[in-house]
Amino acid sequence: MILTALYEYARREKLLESLDYEQRPISYILRYAAQGRFIGLEPCFSTDEKGKLHPLPMPVPRGDKRTSGIAPYFLSDKTDYVFAWPDPDPKKKANRNRLNAQHRAFVKLHEDAYDATGDEALEALLAFFKRFDSGETTVEMPEDRPKGANIVFIYDPDGARRVHDRPAIKTYWEEQRHRSPKGKTSTCLITGEQAPPEAVHPAVKNLAGANPAGCGLVSFNFEAACSFGKKQNHNAPVGRKAAEGYTAALNKLLARGGGQSIFLDASTVAAFWTREADEMEVCFSGMIDDDPENVAKLYTSPQSGTVSALTRDKANRFYALTLSGAQGRAAVRDWFESSTTDVLNAVRNWFEDLKLHFPFETRPRRSLAWLLASTVLEGKKDNIPPNLSSRLYAAILRDAPLPNMLLSMAVVRCRAEGVVPERKQGGFDWNRAYLRTSLIKAYFNRAKRKGLGFKFQEVTEMLDKENTDSAYRLGRLFAVLENLQGHAIGNVNASIADRYYGSASANPATVFPRLLSLSQHHLSKLEEGRRRYFDIQLTETMDGLPAEKFPLTFSMEEQGLFAIGYYHQRADLFRKKEDRQPAGNGENP
């Protein structure tokens, strides 16, 4: 089903019409004239905002996926094939015999093309190689040559036209590509047509964690995966057109900046598309990353008196493929198929579950990366457990309960640094507090909505004085006691939150009697009006708590509810002070 959906996308995007060519990053243009006279090696790079050089992508004749053998590409190849230059990667050891063999194979490929076409540009190119191989012509190796640099050729009388774009050569190349391959035919698993199966499928590019040269989505390279004496991809027969079609589709979806894929972590990427063209394809990544403009589209509907710009047709299918890269192959982490309507509803539910009051003007964006970073040490994305981001992404798409690991990670991080942690530069990191508590709230409300037997009340966006759950009330009470301490004695080296939050949220009975006794000392230091205010706060917060004793321990879920109660009470204190802003307000953690 995955390959079929990708192939249909390739047909929709008319990618099958240009399968004889592919985009490849080109680092240099070799310009030469008649009789093989060398003119120069011209760099082809663009510069990004950081000043880093990137090879320019160009359409070149398609090359088959390389394995361990020698396989030259037509009129565009790497410097090891074109010049027998070793790769500048210090990790790769130069093998002079292999480099020479690669170069000879590259020249032989173009000798065959000249014999078939008699093209003058190919004749001059072969003359250049004769001069180069004899030492008559010298081409200096650029010192800043990148790893895996690709070269194309221009015959100087043609101006800017590349050699592979000359009409006679294009005709030759396309005839070579369309020749009927020899061998037995099989029923293609994608098209259902009879065709010789491709032994090696084209490479998937731009896949996180994979070899930069690409990897295979379909591959068989150990005996246990093979059957009936078949080798390689003959075990899953797919014709050339279908193999190149689904790969072209996946490479387009994974292209950087294309807007149809999301990097979930350093080794995992999610691609998404729809069966019929739909605006959702170009705005879905913005929704997941909490872009205000795209998220706003989730809430347009006929019921609200507006017309949504997004498809509301259940007949249009939505596909999401999550992949991780290894050196030789792509690993499918998740495959999801649904209607565009159901996916829009699922994403809307996600943001409803996350909705939490932020006590200042500009709240942080609730992207997956920043939500998960709020639950790990120092907010470093490298500390996020492998596959957790893909599991969260899958839960969002399916409108399913969130992974239990998310709750435990968020709670442990709250205990380690407090619900509202302090920044090293001073002040409080309300952004990190907001993101982490939003995840805990989403975990609770999604579990409640899915009927998982949760005994707790639904968690609201803002302070809920009607919530009588003991853990929620004690979280609120802890925030009130901390605020009381601050008004009574001002800034201290270590507040009660610094000293007691972890034990108060896990073992209330060991901490709260002492804190309540200490609160009487703090109350005595306040003037009458302020003392009356805190008396009311304490009475109101403790209303409904067990009169006889505090709970001995709290479960992980109760510790999460404690954190929400604490956050709600703290945020409510700031809500009325609109002129106050947190340190670094509006910036992602």
Protein backbone atom coordinates (compact mmCIF):
# COMPACT_ATOMS: atom_id res chain seq x y z
CA MET A 1 0.00 0.00 0.00
CA ILE A 2 2.86 2.40 0.78
CA LEU A 3 4.49 1.92 -2.63
CA THR A 4 1.17 2.17 -4.44
CA ALA A 5 0.26 5.43 -2.70
CA LEU A 6 3.68 6.87 -3.54
CA TYR A 7 3.40 5.76 -7.18
CA GLU A 8 -0.04 7.35 -7.49
CA TYR A 9 1.41 10.58 -6.09
CA ALA A 10 4.16 10.42 -8.73
CA ARG A 11 1.51 10.06 -11.44
CA ARG A 12 -0.49 12.96 -10.01
CA GLU A 13 2.57 15.21 -9.93
CA LYS A 14 3.62 14.06 -13.44
CA LEU A 15 6.94 12.80 -12.11
CA LEU A 16 6.77 9.75 -14.39
CA GLU A 17 7.23 11.97 -17.44
CA SER A 18 10.81 12.85 -16.49
CA LEU A 19 12.16 9.59 -15.11
CA ASP A 20 15.09 9.58 -17.55
CA TYR A 21 16.56 12.47 -15.53
CA GLU A 22 17.00 13.26 -11.86
CA GLN A 23 18.02 16.19 -9.70
CA ARG A 24 21.58 15.90 -8.46
CA PRO A 25 23.71 18.45 -6.56
CA ILE A 26 26.41 19.74 -8.93
CA SER A 27 29.62 21.26 -7.59
CA TYR A 28 31.52 22.01 -10.82
CA ILE A 29 31.04 22.50 -14.56
CA LEU A 30 33.89 21.28 -16.74
CA ARG A 31 34.05 23.51 -19.81
CA TYR A 32 36.03 22.34 -22.84
CA ALA A 33 36.38 23.19 -26.56
CA ALA A 34 37.10 21.39 -29.85
CA GLN A 35 39.98 18.88 -29.92
CA GLY A 36 39.50 18.46 -26.15
CA ARG A 37 41.03 21.81 -25.22
CA PHE A 38 40.40 22.37 -21.49
CA ILE A 39 38.97 25.80 -20.63
CA GLY A 40 38.22 25.60 -16.92
CA LEU A 41 36.51 24.03 -13.96
CA GLU A 42 33.70 26.38 -12.90
CA PRO A 43 32.30 26.13 -9.34
CA CYS A 44 28.52 25.86 -8.90
CA PHE A 45 27.55 26.75 -5.35
CA SER A 46 24.91 28.76 -3.57
CA THR A 47 25.51 30.37 -0.18
CA ASP A 48 23.08 30.12 2.73
CA GLU A 49 22.48 32.67 5.49
CA LYS A 50 25.40 31.28 7.50
CA GLY A 51 27.79 31.56 4.57
CA LYS A 52 27.91 27.80 3.98
CA LEU A 53 28.33 26.64 0.38
CA HIS A 54 25.81 24.22 -1.15
CA PRO A 55 26.09 22.54 -4.58
CA LEU A 56 23.41 23.62 -7.05
CA PRO A 57 20.78 20.98 -7.91
CA MET A 58 20.51 20.31 -11.66
CA PRO A 59 18.59 17.80 -13.81
CA VAL A 60 21.07 15.21 -15.12
CA PRO A 61 20.76 11.75 -16.71
CA ARG A 62 19.47 9.29 -14.14
CA GLY A 63 21.97 6.89 -12.65
CA ASP A 64 21.25 3.50 -11.17
CA LYS A 65 21.74 2.99 -7.46
CA ARG A 66 25.34 2.07 -6.75
CA THR A 67 26.34 -0.85 -4.58
CA SER A 68 29.89 -2.09 -4.09
CA GLY A 69 30.61 -2.48 -7.80
CA ILE A 70 31.80 0.05 -10.38
CA ALA A 71 28.92 1.83 -12.14
CA PRO A 72 29.67 5.10 -13.99
CA TYR A 73 26.94 7.68 -14.66
CA PHE A 74 26.33 9.27 -18.03
CA LEU A 75 27.70 12.82 -18.50
CA SER A 76 27.51 13.65 -14.79
CA ASP A 77 29.47 11.93 -12.07
CA LYS A 78 31.69 12.34 -9.05
CA THR A 79 35.30 13.38 -9.26
CA ASP A 80 36.55 9.87 -8.47
CA TYR A 81 34.98 8.61 -11.73
CA VAL A 82 35.69 11.70 -13.85
CA PHE A 83 39.29 12.37 -12.76
CA ALA A 84 40.22 9.37 -10.57
CA TRP A 85 40.63 11.84 -7.70
CA PRO A 86 40.30 10.37 -4.19
CA ASP A 87 37.42 11.65 -2.11
CA PRO A 88 38.51 14.38 0.34
CA ASP A 89 36.70 12.57 3.16
CA PRO A 90 39.54 11.60 5.56
CA LYS A 91 37.54 8.55 6.68
CA LYS A 92 37.81 7.02 3.20
CA LYS A 93 41.09 5.42 2.18
CA ALA A 94 42.09 5.99 -1.42
CA ASN A 95 42.44 2.83 -3.53
CA ARG A 96 44.43 3.84 -6.61
CA ASN A 97 43.61 0.66 -8.56
CA ARG A 98 39.89 1.13 -7.97
CA LEU A 99 40.04 4.84 -8.84
CA ASN A 100 41.73 4.04 -12.15
CA ALA A 101 39.16 1.34 -12.89
CA GLN A 102 36.32 3.76 -12.17
CA HIS A 103 37.82 6.35 -14.51
CA ARG A 104 38.32 3.81 -17.30
CA ALA A 105 34.70 2.65 -16.96
CA PHE A 106 33.51 6.29 -17.13
CA VAL A 107 35.49 6.94 -20.34
CA LYS A 108 34.31 3.63 -21.89
CA LEU A 109 30.67 4.58 -21.27
CA HIS A 110 31.13 7.74 -23.33
CA GLU A 111 33.12 5.95 -26.06
CA ASP A 112 30.08 3.72 -26.57
CA ALA A 113 27.82 6.78 -26.74
CA TYR A 114 30.08 8.42 -29.34
CA ASP A 115 30.17 5.25 -31.44
CA ALA A 116 26.34 5.31 -31.51
CA THR A 117 25.86 9.03 -32.14
CA GLY A 118 29.01 10.47 -33.70
CA ASP A 119 28.26 13.66 -31.73
CA GLU A 120 31.01 16.30 -31.95
CA ALA A 121 30.68 17.28 -28.26
CA LEU A 122 31.30 13.67 -27.23
CA GLU A 123 34.23 13.46 -29.68
CA ALA A 124 35.78 16.54 -28.08
CA LEU A 125 35.11 15.17 -24.58
CA LEU A 126 36.94 11.92 -25.41
CA ALA A 127 39.81 14.02 -26.78
CA PHE A 128 39.92 15.89 -23.47
CA PHE A 129 40.19 12.64 -21.52
CA LYS A 130 42.96 11.45 -23.83
CA ARG A 131 44.88 14.64 -23.10
CA PHE A 132 44.14 14.38 -19.36
CA ASP A 133 45.16 10.73 -19.09
CA SER A 134 48.41 11.33 -20.97
CA GLY A 135 49.30 14.28 -18.72
CA GLU A 136 49.16 16.77 -21.61
CA THR A 137 46.26 18.56 -19.88
CA THR A 138 46.34 19.26 -16.16
CA VAL A 139 43.24 19.95 -14.06
CA GLU A 140 44.04 21.25 -10.60
CA MET A 141 42.14 19.68 -7.75
CA PRO A 142 40.30 22.49 -5.84
CA GLU A 143 41.46 22.68 -2.24
CA ASP A 144 37.92 23.35 -1.00
CA ARG A 145 36.41 20.49 -3.00
CA PRO A 146 33.48 19.06 -0.98
CA LYS A 147 32.97 15.38 -0.35
CA GLY A 148 31.21 13.60 -3.19
CA ALA A 149 31.50 16.55 -5.60
CA ASN A 150 29.57 16.01 -8.87
CA ILE A 151 30.58 17.39 -12.29
CA VAL A 152 28.66 18.16 -15.49
CA PHE A 153 30.10 19.12 -18.87
CA ILE A 154 29.66 22.04 -21.26
CA TYR A 155 31.01 22.07 -24.82
CA ASP A 156 32.14 25.68 -25.23
CA PRO A 157 30.53 26.32 -28.66
CA ASP A 158 27.14 25.53 -27.03
CA GLY A 159 27.34 28.50 -24.62
CA ALA A 160 25.51 27.59 -21.41
CA ARG A 161 23.87 24.40 -22.70
CA ARG A 162 25.12 21.28 -20.98
CA VAL A 163 26.30 18.37 -23.09
CA HIS A 164 23.55 16.04 -21.91
CA ASP A 165 20.97 18.55 -23.20
CA ARG A 166 22.18 18.35 -26.83
CA PRO A 167 19.31 16.92 -28.96
CA ALA A 168 21.23 13.97 -30.40
CA ILE A 169 22.56 12.99 -27.00
CA LYS A 170 19.13 13.32 -25.34
CA THR A 171 17.67 11.03 -28.02
CA TYR A 172 20.44 8.49 -27.50
CA TRP A 173 20.08 8.53 -23.72
CA GLU A 174 16.30 8.14 -23.75
CA GLU A 175 16.51 5.28 -26.28
CA GLN A 176 19.03 3.56 -24.02
CA ARG A 177 16.71 3.96 -21.06
CA HIS A 178 13.64 2.70 -22.90
CA ARG A 179 15.17 -0.41 -24.38
CA SER A 180 13.32 -3.50 -23.23
CA PRO A 181 15.44 -5.07 -20.50
CA LYS A 182 16.34 -8.70 -20.84
CA GLY A 183 15.18 -11.35 -18.42
CA LYS A 184 12.01 -12.98 -17.18
CA THR A 185 9.00 -10.83 -16.50
CA SER A 186 6.88 -10.85 -13.35
CA THR A 187 3.70 -9.14 -12.25
CA CYS A 188 4.70 -5.76 -10.84
CA LEU A 189 3.44 -5.43 -7.27
CA ILE A 190 2.58 -1.75 -7.86
CA THR A 191 1.11 -1.53 -11.36
CA GLY A 192 -0.01 -5.12 -11.94
CA GLU A 193 1.73 -5.06 -15.32
CA GLN A 194 4.15 -7.64 -16.65
CA ALA A 195 7.70 -6.29 -16.48
CA PRO A 196 11.22 -7.48 -15.65
CA PRO A 197 11.71 -6.73 -11.95
CA GLU A 198 14.35 -4.24 -10.91
CA ALA A 199 17.11 -5.95 -8.95
CA VAL A 200 18.13 -2.70 -7.22
CA HIS A 201 15.69 0.17 -6.71
CA PRO A 202 16.77 3.82 -6.94
CA ALA A 203 18.09 5.49 -3.81
CA VAL A 204 15.95 7.50 -1.38
CA LYS A 205 17.66 10.84 -0.70
CA ASN A 206 17.50 13.40 2.15
CA LEU A 207 16.63 10.77 4.73
CA ALA A 208 17.79 11.60 8.24
CA GLY A 209 20.38 9.21 9.58
CA ALA A 210 21.05 7.57 6.20
CA ASN A 211 24.05 7.63 3.92
CA PRO A 212 24.16 10.98 2.05
CA ALA A 213 24.30 9.04 -1.22
CA GLY A 214 20.89 7.59 -0.41
CA CYS A 215 19.44 4.29 0.76
CA GLY A 216 16.83 1.77 -0.30
CA LEU A 217 13.24 1.58 0.86
CA VAL A 218 12.95 -1.94 -0.58
CA SER A 219 16.02 -4.14 -0.24
CA PHE A 220 17.01 -7.77 0.40
CA ASN A 221 20.61 -8.30 1.41
CA PHE A 222 20.64 -11.36 3.66
CA GLU A 223 19.65 -14.92 2.92
CA ALA A 224 16.89 -15.21 5.52
CA ALA A 225 14.86 -12.53 3.70
CA CYS A 226 15.02 -14.33 0.35
CA SER A 227 12.99 -17.26 -0.94
CA PHE A 228 12.71 -19.64 -3.92
CA GLY A 229 16.30 -18.94 -4.91
CA LYS A 230 15.60 -15.31 -5.87
CA LYS A 231 18.17 -12.63 -5.26
CA GLN A 232 17.93 -8.97 -4.27
CA ASN A 233 14.61 -7.24 -5.06
CA HIS A 234 13.42 -10.07 -7.28
CA ASN A 235 11.83 -11.23 -4.02
CA ALA A 236 9.45 -8.26 -4.32
CA PRO A 237 9.04 -7.81 -8.08
CA VAL A 238 8.61 -4.17 -9.10
CA GLY A 239 9.19 -2.92 -12.64
CA ARG A 240 11.64 -0.13 -13.48
CA LYS A 241 8.99 2.51 -14.14
CA ALA A 242 7.18 1.78 -10.87
CA ALA A 243 10.43 1.61 -8.86
CA GLU A 244 11.67 4.90 -10.25
CA GLY A 245 8.20 6.43 -9.85
CA TYR A 246 7.70 5.68 -6.17
CA THR A 247 11.29 6.73 -5.41
CA ALA A 248 10.87 10.01 -7.32
CA ALA A 249 7.71 10.69 -5.31
CA LEU A 250 9.42 9.99 -1.98
CA ASN A 251 12.44 12.10 -2.88
CA LYS A 252 10.13 15.00 -3.76
CA LEU A 253 8.30 14.66 -0.44
CA LEU A 254 11.55 14.50 1.53
CA ALA A 255 13.19 17.43 -0.29
CA ARG A 256 14.39 20.06 2.18
CA GLY A 257 12.21 23.15 2.09
CA GLY A 258 9.47 21.34 0.16
CA GLY A 259 7.00 21.66 3.03
CA GLN A 260 5.79 18.05 2.89
CA SER A 261 8.02 16.48 5.50
CA ILE A 262 8.88 17.08 9.14
CA PHE A 263 12.08 16.10 10.94
CA LEU A 264 10.87 14.44 14.14
CA ASP A 265 14.39 13.88 15.50
CA ALA A 266 17.95 13.53 14.27
CA SER A 267 17.25 10.19 12.57
CA THR A 268 13.50 10.25 11.85
CA VAL A 269 11.46 12.15 9.28
CA ALA A 270 7.74 12.08 8.49
CA ALA A 271 6.47 12.68 4.95
CA PHE A 272 2.79 13.39 4.21
CA TRP A 273 0.60 13.88 1.17
CA THR A 274 -3.00 13.52 -0.04
CA ARG A 275 -4.44 11.44 -2.85
CA GLU A 276 -5.98 14.46 -4.60
CA ALA A 277 -4.31 17.88 -4.55
CA ASP A 278 -5.30 19.65 -1.34
CA GLU A 279 -4.17 22.78 0.49
CA MET A 280 -3.65 20.57 3.52
CA GLU A 281 -0.44 19.26 1.91
CA VAL A 282 1.22 22.66 2.17
CA CYS A 283 -0.13 23.77 5.53
CA PHE A 284 -0.02 20.54 7.56
CA SER A 285 3.60 21.00 8.69
CA GLY A 286 2.70 24.52 9.81
CA MET A 287 -0.18 23.12 11.85
CA ILE A 288 2.03 20.59 13.61
CA ASP A 289 4.59 23.34 14.32
CA ASP A 290 1.83 25.60 15.72
CA ASP A 291 2.15 28.29 13.07
CA PRO A 292 -0.67 30.75 13.94
CA GLU A 293 -1.83 31.26 10.35
CA ASN A 294 -2.10 27.53 9.62
CA VAL A 295 -3.57 26.58 12.99
CA ALA A 296 -6.27 29.21 12.47
CA LYS A 297 -7.49 27.20 9.46
CA LEU A 298 -8.34 24.32 11.78
CA TYR A 299 -11.07 26.39 13.37
CA THR A 300 -12.84 27.63 10.23
CA SER A 301 -16.04 25.71 9.60
CA PRO A 302 -19.59 26.19 8.32
CA GLN A 303 -20.84 26.22 11.92
CA SER A 304 -18.79 29.33 12.66
CA GLY A 305 -20.10 31.13 9.61
CA THR A 306 -16.90 30.86 7.57
CA VAL A 307 -15.83 28.54 4.79
CA SER A 308 -12.73 26.50 5.41
CA ALA A 309 -9.95 26.74 2.85
CA LEU A 310 -9.20 23.06 3.51
CA THR A 311 -10.85 20.04 1.95
CA ARG A 312 -13.68 18.61 4.03
CA ASP A 313 -14.23 15.57 1.81
CA LYS A 314 -13.81 12.20 3.51
CA ALA A 315 -13.16 10.70 0.07
CA ASN A 316 -9.80 12.48 -0.11
CA ARG A 317 -7.18 10.33 1.57
CA PHE A 318 -4.34 11.55 3.74
CA TYR A 319 -1.11 9.56 3.94
CA ALA A 320 1.75 9.87 6.43
CA LEU A 321 4.94 7.82 6.25
CA THR A 322 7.52 7.95 9.06
CA LEU A 323 11.02 6.77 8.19
CA SER A 324 14.38 6.42 9.88
CA GLY A 325 17.61 6.07 7.96
CA ALA A 326 20.40 3.57 8.37
CA GLN A 327 23.54 3.34 6.25
CA GLY A 328 22.03 1.04 3.65
CA ARG A 329 18.28 1.17 4.01
CA ALA A 330 15.25 3.09 5.22
CA ALA A 331 13.30 1.74 8.20
CA VAL A 332 9.53 2.30 8.18
CA ARG A 333 8.56 3.50 11.66
CA ASP A 334 4.90 4.17 10.95
CA TRP A 335 2.37 4.17 8.11
CA PHE A 336 -0.86 6.08 8.51
CA GLU A 337 -3.83 6.45 6.17
CA SER A 338 -7.05 8.31 6.86
CA SER A 339 -9.33 11.00 5.42
CA THR A 340 -8.33 14.65 5.39
CA THR A 341 -11.40 15.44 7.49
CA ASP A 342 -10.48 12.98 10.22
CA VAL A 343 -6.88 14.21 10.31
CA LEU A 344 -7.99 17.84 10.63
CA ASN A 345 -10.27 16.84 13.49
CA ALA A 346 -7.43 14.92 15.16
CA VAL A 347 -5.03 17.88 14.95
CA ARG A 348 -7.74 20.24 16.22
CA ASN A 349 -8.29 17.92 19.20
CA TRP A 350 -4.55 17.96 19.84
CA PHE A 351 -4.46 21.72 20.21
CA GLU A 352 -7.64 21.70 22.29
CA ASP A 353 -5.99 19.19 24.63
CA LEU A 354 -2.87 21.36 24.86
CA LYS A 355 -4.77 24.60 25.46
CA LEU A 356 -3.48 26.17 28.67
CA HIS A 357 -3.51 29.70 30.03
CA PHE A 358 -0.24 31.57 29.54
CA PRO A 359 -0.06 34.53 31.93
CA PHE A 360 1.81 36.86 29.58
CA GLU A 361 1.23 38.38 26.20
CA THR A 362 3.15 36.11 23.80
CA ARG A 363 3.04 32.39 24.44
CA PRO A 364 5.67 30.06 22.93
CA ARG A 365 4.84 27.92 19.91
CA ARG A 366 3.79 24.38 20.76
CA SER A 367 5.85 22.58 18.13
CA LEU A 368 6.68 18.93 18.74
CA ALA A 369 10.37 19.72 19.12
CA TRP A 370 9.87 22.36 21.82
CA LEU A 371 7.21 20.38 23.67
CA LEU A 372 9.51 17.38 23.94
CA ALA A 373 12.56 19.53 24.76
CA SER A 374 10.70 20.88 27.80
CA THR A 375 10.67 17.37 29.31
CA VAL A 376 14.42 16.61 29.16
CA LEU A 377 17.58 17.81 30.88
CA GLU A 378 18.60 21.35 29.86
CA GLY A 379 16.07 21.30 27.04
CA LYS A 380 18.58 19.59 24.75
CA LYS A 381 16.96 17.72 21.89
CA ASP A 382 19.76 15.13 22.01
CA ASN A 383 18.38 14.02 25.39
CA ILE A 384 14.96 13.09 23.93
CA PRO A 385 14.62 9.27 23.90
CA PRO A 386 14.77 7.63 20.45
CA ASN A 387 11.40 7.14 18.71
CA LEU A 388 9.49 9.19 21.31
CA SER A 389 8.83 11.99 18.84
CA SER A 390 7.50 9.55 16.24
CA ARG A 391 5.25 7.93 18.87
CA LEU A 392 3.87 11.32 19.84
CA TYR A 393 3.36 12.24 16.18
CA ALA A 394 1.50 8.95 15.60
CA ALA A 395 -0.75 9.61 18.62
CA ILE A 396 -1.64 13.06 17.27
CA LEU A 397 -2.62 11.71 13.84
CA ARG A 398 -4.73 8.92 15.33
CA ASP A 399 -6.25 11.07 18.08
CA ALA A 400 -4.95 8.38 20.44
CA PRO A 401 -3.75 8.47 24.08
CA LEU A 402 -0.27 9.91 24.53
CA PRO A 403 2.66 7.63 25.46
CA ASN A 404 2.95 6.99 29.20
CA MET A 405 6.63 7.88 28.94
CA LEU A 406 5.70 11.50 28.24
CA LEU A 407 3.92 11.88 31.56
CA SER A 408 6.74 10.29 33.57
CA MET A 409 9.39 12.40 31.78
CA ALA A 410 7.44 15.62 32.39
CA VAL A 411 6.82 14.78 36.05
CA VAL A 412 10.45 13.81 36.69
CA ARG A 413 11.60 17.06 35.08
CA CYS A 414 9.17 19.04 37.26
CA ARG A 415 10.57 17.39 40.36
CA ALA A 416 14.14 18.08 39.22
CA GLU A 417 13.77 21.75 38.35
CA GLY A 418 10.32 22.80 39.57
CA VAL A 419 7.16 23.34 37.57
CA VAL A 420 8.25 26.90 36.80
CA PRO A 421 12.05 26.58 36.62
CA GLU A 422 14.44 29.46 37.18
CA ARG A 423 16.66 30.65 34.35
CA LYS A 424 20.41 30.74 34.95
CA GLN A 425 20.34 34.45 34.13
CA GLY A 426 17.57 35.12 36.65
CA GLY A 427 13.79 35.21 36.43
CA PHE A 428 11.54 32.27 35.68
CA ASP A 429 11.27 30.23 32.50
CA TRP A 430 7.54 30.45 31.96
CA ASN A 431 7.89 29.23 28.38
CA ARG A 432 9.34 25.91 29.52
CA ALA A 433 6.74 25.66 32.31
CA TYR A 434 3.91 26.33 29.87
CA LEU A 435 5.06 23.72 27.32
CA ARG A 436 5.68 21.01 29.89
CA THR A 437 2.41 21.56 31.74
CA SER A 438 0.52 21.67 28.42
CA LEU A 439 1.81 18.17 27.67
CA ILE A 440 0.70 16.91 31.09
CA LYS A 441 -2.74 18.46 30.59
CA ALA A 442 -3.02 16.91 27.11
CA TYR A 443 -2.09 13.51 28.55
CA PHE A 444 -4.86 13.75 31.16
CA ASN A 445 -7.63 15.06 28.96
CA ARG A 446 -6.90 12.68 26.11
CA ALA A 447 -6.92 9.69 28.49
CA LYS A 448 -10.18 10.97 29.98
CA ARG A 449 -11.78 11.46 26.55
CA LYS A 450 -10.70 8.02 25.38
CA GLY A 451 -12.36 6.33 28.35
CA LEU A 452 -9.26 4.77 29.89
CA GLY A 453 -10.85 4.62 33.34
CA PHE A 454 -9.24 7.78 34.67
CA LYS A 455 -10.72 8.74 38.03
CA PHE A 456 -9.59 12.36 37.74
CA GLN A 457 -11.65 15.30 36.60
CA GLU A 458 -11.09 16.92 33.22
CA VAL A 459 -8.36 19.56 33.41
CA THR A 460 -9.36 23.06 32.38
CA GLU A 461 -7.40 25.74 30.57
CA MET A 462 -7.24 28.05 33.60
CA LEU A 463 -7.45 27.78 37.39
CA ASP A 464 -10.38 25.53 38.33
CA LYS A 465 -11.61 26.23 41.85
CA GLU A 466 -14.25 23.52 41.48
CA ASN A 467 -11.70 20.75 40.95
CA THR A 468 -11.68 18.72 44.16
CA ASP A 469 -9.00 16.15 43.27
CA SER A 470 -6.60 16.05 46.22
CA ALA A 471 -3.48 16.16 44.06
CA TYR A 472 -4.73 19.22 42.16
CA ARG A 473 -5.73 20.99 45.39
CA LEU A 474 -2.39 20.27 47.06
CA GLY A 475 -0.55 21.60 44.01
CA ARG A 476 -2.55 24.81 44.35
CA LEU A 477 -1.90 24.90 48.10
CA PHE A 478 1.85 24.53 47.56
CA ALA A 479 1.81 27.54 45.19
CA VAL A 480 -0.12 29.62 47.76
CA LEU A 481 2.35 28.69 50.52
CA GLU A 482 5.26 29.64 48.27
CA ASN A 483 3.64 32.98 47.45
CA LEU A 484 2.99 33.59 51.15
CA GLN A 485 6.66 32.97 51.96
CA GLY A 486 7.71 35.47 49.30
CA HIS A 487 5.46 38.22 50.69
CA ALA A 488 6.49 37.50 54.29
CA ILE A 489 10.27 37.42 54.03
CA GLY A 490 11.06 38.53 50.45
CA ASN A 491 13.74 36.91 48.34
CA VAL A 492 15.46 33.95 49.92
CA ASN A 493 18.34 31.78 48.81
CA ALA A 494 16.09 28.74 48.64
CA SER A 495 12.30 28.98 48.60
CA ILE A 496 10.00 26.22 49.78
CA ALA A 497 9.63 25.23 46.13
CA ASP A 498 13.39 24.80 45.84
CA ARG A 499 13.52 22.75 49.04
CA TYR A 500 10.31 20.76 49.07
CA TYR A 501 8.60 20.57 45.66
CA GLY A 502 9.82 17.05 44.84
CA SER A 503 8.85 15.52 48.17
CA ALA A 504 5.59 17.50 48.41
CA SER A 505 4.42 16.21 45.00
CA ALA A 506 5.37 12.58 45.73
CA ASN A 507 4.91 12.22 49.51
CA PRO A 508 2.55 14.98 50.71
CA ALA A 509 2.17 13.65 54.26
CA THR A 510 5.86 14.16 54.97
CA VAL A 511 5.93 17.82 53.93
CA PHE A 512 2.61 19.65 54.18
CA PRO A 513 2.16 19.53 58.00
CA ARG A 514 5.53 21.25 58.36
CA LEU A 515 4.73 23.81 55.63
CA LEU A 516 1.35 24.67 57.15
CA SER A 517 3.01 25.15 60.55
CA LEU A 518 5.60 27.40 58.91
CA SER A 519 2.82 29.36 57.19
CA GLN A 520 1.59 30.61 60.57
CA HIS A 521 5.00 32.16 61.18
CA HIS A 522 4.86 33.79 57.74
CA LEU A 523 1.34 35.11 58.32
CA SER A 524 2.43 36.78 61.53
CA LYS A 525 4.90 38.90 59.57
CA LEU A 526 2.22 40.42 57.29
CA GLU A 527 0.14 43.50 57.83
CA GLU A 528 -3.55 42.86 58.52
CA GLY A 529 -4.95 43.31 54.98
CA ARG A 530 -2.37 41.06 53.39
CA ARG A 531 -2.76 38.49 56.19
CA ARG A 532 -6.53 38.37 55.66
CA TYR A 533 -5.98 37.84 51.90
CA PHE A 534 -3.75 34.82 52.49
CA ASP A 535 -6.07 33.40 55.16
CA ILE A 536 -8.84 33.38 52.53
CA GLN A 537 -6.50 31.84 49.95
CA LEU A 538 -5.46 29.04 52.30
CA THR A 539 -9.01 28.30 53.43
CA GLU A 540 -10.36 28.23 49.89
CA THR A 541 -7.57 26.02 48.60
CA MET A 542 -7.77 23.51 51.45
CA ASP A 543 -11.55 23.22 51.19
CA GLY A 544 -12.38 19.63 50.22
CA LEU A 545 -9.05 18.12 51.23
CA PRO A 546 -9.17 15.10 53.54
CA ALA A 547 -9.51 16.50 57.05
CA GLU A 548 -7.83 13.65 58.87
CA LYS A 549 -4.48 13.42 57.05
CA PHE A 550 -2.61 14.12 53.89
CA PRO A 551 -1.99 11.24 51.43
CA LEU A 552 1.17 9.30 52.11
CA THR A 553 2.16 8.95 48.43
CA PHE A 554 1.02 10.13 45.03
CA SER A 555 1.06 8.03 41.88
CA MET A 556 2.67 9.32 38.68
CA GLU A 557 -0.72 10.54 37.46
CA GLU A 558 -1.35 12.32 40.77
CA GLN A 559 2.07 13.97 40.59
CA GLY A 560 1.13 15.23 37.14
CA LEU A 561 -2.11 16.64 38.49
CA PHE A 562 -0.18 18.25 41.35
CA ALA A 563 2.03 19.99 38.76
CA ILE A 564 -1.02 21.30 36.89
CA GLY A 565 -2.58 22.63 40.10
CA TYR A 566 0.67 24.37 41.00
CA TYR A 567 0.99 25.90 37.52
CA HIS A 568 -2.65 27.05 37.47
CA GLN A 569 -2.32 28.77 40.85
CA ARG A 570 0.98 30.45 39.92
CA ALA A 571 -0.34 31.57 36.54
CA ASP A 572 -3.46 32.98 38.16
CA LEU A 573 -1.30 35.18 40.39
CA PHE A 574 0.34 36.72 37.33
CA ARG A 575 -2.79 36.91 35.20
CA LYS A 576 -3.91 40.20 36.72
CA LYS A 577 -0.47 41.80 36.46
CA GLU A 578 -0.45 42.46 32.73
CA ASP A 579 2.46 44.89 32.97
CA ARG A 580 4.82 42.15 34.18
CA GLN A 581 6.73 40.08 31.62
CA PRO A 582 8.83 36.96 32.20
CA ALA A 583 12.52 36.86 31.46
CA GLY A 584 12.94 36.04 27.78
CA ASN A 585 9.18 36.15 27.23
CA GLY A 586 8.09 35.00 23.81
CA GLU A 587 11.27 33.03 23.03
CA ASN A 588 11.33 29.28 22.70
CA PRO A 589 13.33 27.51 25.40
